[in-house]
């Protein structure tokens, strides 16, 4: 995670969640996954289908 000068990790996480809410409100799907899920392609596909149906 890249922080702006003076920005805390907590602030960055909150701002990211608010951005994600705005994206969803605009009618777009959002899918998230981490490195662990990438080792299970079926899980990534499931998340994409869930977000973008």
Protein backbone atom coordinates (compact mmCIF):
# COMPACT_ATOMS: atom_id res chain seq x y z
CA UNK A 1 0.00 0.00 0.00
CA UNK A 2 1.31 3.43 -0.89
CA UNK A 3 0.52 6.19 1.55
CA UNK A 4 0.48 9.89 0.88
CA UNK A 5 2.78 11.95 3.10
CA UNK A 6 1.16 12.16 6.53
CA UNK A 7 -1.56 9.63 5.70
CA UNK A 8 -2.09 6.77 8.12
CA UNK A 9 -2.83 3.20 7.11
CA UNK A 10 -6.24 3.55 8.73
CA UNK A 11 -7.03 6.63 6.63
CA UNK A 12 -5.94 4.86 3.45
CA UNK A 13 -8.15 1.84 4.19
CA UNK A 14 -11.17 4.02 4.94
CA UNK A 15 -10.64 6.07 1.77
CA UNK A 16 -10.37 2.88 -0.30
CA UNK A 17 -13.62 1.55 1.15
CA UNK A 18 -15.36 4.84 0.37
CA UNK A 19 -14.03 4.74 -3.23
CA UNK A 20 -15.32 1.19 -3.56
CA UNK A 21 -18.75 2.28 -2.27
CA UNK A 22 -18.86 5.06 -4.89
CA UNK A 23 -18.00 2.56 -7.63
CA UNK A 24 -20.80 0.23 -6.50
CA UNK A 25 -23.25 3.13 -6.22
CA UNK A 26 -22.41 4.06 -9.82
CA UNK A 27 -23.58 0.58 -10.84
CA UNK A 28 -20.26 -1.16 -11.31
CA UNK A 29 -19.24 -4.45 -9.75
CA UNK A 30 -16.20 -4.82 -7.55
CA UNK A 31 -14.22 -8.01 -7.01
CA UNK A 32 -11.29 -8.39 -4.64
CA UNK A 33 -8.81 -11.19 -4.12
CA UNK A 34 -5.34 -11.66 -2.71
CA UNK A 35 -2.34 -13.83 -3.49
CA UNK A 36 -3.86 -16.80 -1.66
CA UNK A 37 -6.92 -16.81 -3.92
CA UNK A 38 -4.77 -16.63 -7.05
CA UNK A 39 -3.54 -20.14 -6.26
CA UNK A 40 -7.18 -21.28 -6.59
CA UNK A 41 -8.40 -20.00 -9.98
CA UNK A 42 -11.91 -21.30 -9.28
CA UNK A 43 -12.19 -18.89 -6.35
CA UNK A 44 -11.16 -15.92 -8.51
CA UNK A 45 -13.73 -16.93 -11.14
CA UNK A 46 -16.40 -17.29 -8.43
CA UNK A 47 -15.67 -13.81 -7.13
CA UNK A 48 -15.73 -12.30 -10.62
CA UNK A 49 -19.04 -13.99 -11.42
CA UNK A 50 -20.49 -12.80 -8.14
CA UNK A 51 -19.40 -9.19 -8.79
CA UNK A 52 -20.17 -9.01 -12.50
CA UNK A 53 -22.79 -11.77 -12.85
